[in-house]
């Protein structure tokens, strides 16, 4: 039986950041993954998605300029060529990740891991003993209806050889909005079915309402309060049966996409044998990301019920915190101030810090500033479809507590605000900053003044 100081299950952002930090301090580390090394973000999520979204945005740009008569036509997106381009990013990654781990001195083990006892793992036919185990196994698609196996999941969508002419997205979260916008710009008919009254739950309601209007104006059908009950295959695609306003309706398309969220991927790990308790959200952990039932086990990223959002920066950060706690004896906790999140819709929607609802729930004395930026120069000079902002400031101190921005410069603007919140820079300091002009960042002065 081989022995390691630490065995990490998962080679994504959380697992890799933990493994490399532990190796830098001399711990013997093995990283095990049953899938190609690299994890969700670089292989099956953020990175390939952004490659496809970037190309679709070119089409969106052309559509807007053509509507003004500046361009005389809109180019067609060549899906097969775009997928080939995507593979230039994803195909080299497994070997690169293994090389990175081995250069750091870690051992890469390809196989399926499960617990034999609280400190022993079976990796295929081999038993491995660990001083500590870090569970960073990521997440898997959430199933919501009978027969929804007929739908492709987000990973399969990102690897489609041909784009269907019509698509139904089951779920109204960021995956649905991003992929529906991408598909629509590539020429497909896109329909989103969401069970709640507001899609993109967790994002600012006013900003979401603005985005919802723009999404529908772009030709994407969004059906709210639609509870999907079953899915069936049809000769020419899929049929989704959903209850809307008490009536059972059929939605038909060439293909459907399961976009109803993700759950911690833990079922194959035999957690009970390792005395590792789990919740509906992942491995139960304390403030140090240590298992509440097995002190030898830690969890990070989407596999942990640690209160963080399912984001790549969160996973990497949690992996670093786990490494520090293993090394220093549980002296580090998580700080979520200034956490930013993006929806790569068209236009993009970004949020950071507290929402207005969260600030009011905490009885904070706040100043809420919001407005339509569609007529602003920053939006008009790129022929933007529309833009909206909301700033949550603390009265008196003018501390920036949170923000939501929808528009062509949201990615840049939200990151500036994330840095400001994280470092304690207040609104007055940003207003007095001599930003390059005209840029998205320079518009922050008018949002905060």
Foldseek 3Di string as FASTA:
>chain_A
DAEFQEEEEAQEQLRVLLLLLLLVVPGAYEYEYQDQHYDCCQAQDVQLLVLLLVVLVQQVLVVLCVVVVNDVDGDADDVQVSLVVSCVRRVVRSVVSCVVSVVSPYHYHHAFWADQAQFWICGPPDIYGYLAYEYANAWDFDDAAAACVQAAESRVVSNDNDQFQEEEEEAQALSLQSVQQSSVSNRHAYEYEHQAPFGRPPAARVQSVVVVVLCVVSRYHYAYNWRWHYKDADPQAIWTWTQHPNDTDIDDGNHYYYDHDIAAPCPRHNVVNSQFDADRQATEADQLQAGPGRRRYGYFASRGPNPDDNDSVRSNVSSNSNSCCSVPPRPDGDDQALPKDWRVHQQIKIKTADHPVRCVVVVAQWDKFKDWCCVPPQQVVSSGPTKMKIWIAHPPVQATRMMMITGNQNVVQSNVNSVCRVVVNGLVNQLPDPDDPPDPSPCSNVRRD
